[in-house]
Amino acid sequence: MFNFILSGLRMFVFTPVMFVLAVLGILICIFQDVVLFIAKTIWNLIKAKQKKDNSNKAVHLT
């Protein structure tokens, strides 16, 4: 009887955890491309801004 309760508790605890991990894994797989695209876009914007700042400095130096 006690063993049955333990196994029941184990299922009750581990099933939601496994479900959450599975959902997170699927979401990460789906959103990985989106996140990479957003990160690249932001990175390019930052680099472009730095280049603009550098070119402005160069203009001021001359």
Protein backbone atom coordinates (compact mmCIF):
# COMPACT_ATOMS: atom_id res chain seq x y z
CA MET A 1 0.00 0.00 0.00
CA PHE A 2 2.75 2.45 1.02
CA ASN A 3 4.69 1.59 -2.13
CA PHE A 4 1.60 2.31 -4.22
CA ILE A 5 1.22 5.74 -2.57
CA LEU A 6 4.91 6.49 -3.25
CA SER A 7 4.62 5.55 -6.91
CA GLY A 8 1.45 7.64 -7.15
CA LEU A 9 3.25 10.63 -5.62
CA ARG A 10 6.18 10.08 -7.96
CA MET A 11 3.85 10.14 -10.97
CA PHE A 12 2.03 13.17 -9.58
CA VAL A 13 5.30 15.09 -9.15
CA PHE A 14 7.24 13.95 -12.21
CA THR A 15 4.48 14.04 -14.84
CA PRO A 16 3.92 17.83 -14.65
CA VAL A 17 7.67 18.40 -14.53
CA MET A 18 8.25 16.26 -17.62
CA PHE A 19 5.30 17.94 -19.35
CA VAL A 20 6.68 21.41 -18.60
CA LEU A 21 10.17 20.38 -19.79
CA ALA A 22 8.71 18.93 -23.00
CA VAL A 23 6.69 22.09 -23.68
CA LEU A 24 9.75 24.25 -22.97
CA GLY A 25 11.84 22.12 -25.33
CA ILE A 26 9.26 22.45 -28.11
CA LEU A 27 8.96 26.21 -27.56
CA ILE A 28 12.75 26.60 -27.60
CA CYS A 29 12.93 24.65 -30.86
CA ILE A 30 10.21 26.82 -32.41
CA PHE A 31 11.46 30.16 -31.13
CA GLN A 32 15.19 29.49 -31.61
CA ASP A 33 15.10 30.77 -35.20
CA VAL A 34 12.99 33.78 -34.19
CA VAL A 35 15.29 34.64 -31.28
CA LEU A 36 18.39 34.25 -33.48
CA PHE A 37 16.83 36.50 -36.13
CA ILE A 38 15.92 39.18 -33.55
CA ALA A 39 19.39 38.96 -31.97
CA LYS A 40 21.08 39.32 -35.39
CA THR A 41 18.87 42.29 -36.25
CA ILE A 42 19.63 44.04 -32.95
CA TRP A 43 23.35 43.25 -33.34
CA ASN A 44 23.36 44.70 -36.87
CA LEU A 45 21.56 47.83 -35.64
CA ILE A 46 24.13 48.28 -32.85
CA LYS A 47 27.03 47.78 -35.27
CA ALA A 48 25.49 50.23 -37.77
CA LYS A 49 25.07 52.78 -34.97
CA GLN A 50 28.70 52.33 -33.92
CA LYS A 51 29.85 52.79 -37.52
CA LYS A 52 27.77 55.96 -37.76
CA ASP A 53 29.30 57.29 -34.53
CA ASN A 54 32.80 56.45 -35.78
CA SER A 55 32.20 58.18 -39.11
CA ASN A 56 30.90 61.24 -37.27
CA LYS A 57 34.07 61.30 -35.16
CA ALA A 58 36.18 61.01 -38.29
CA VAL A 59 34.34 63.99 -39.81
CA HIS A 60 34.93 66.02 -36.67
CA LEU A 61 38.63 65.15 -36.64
CA THR A 62 39.13 66.50 -40.15
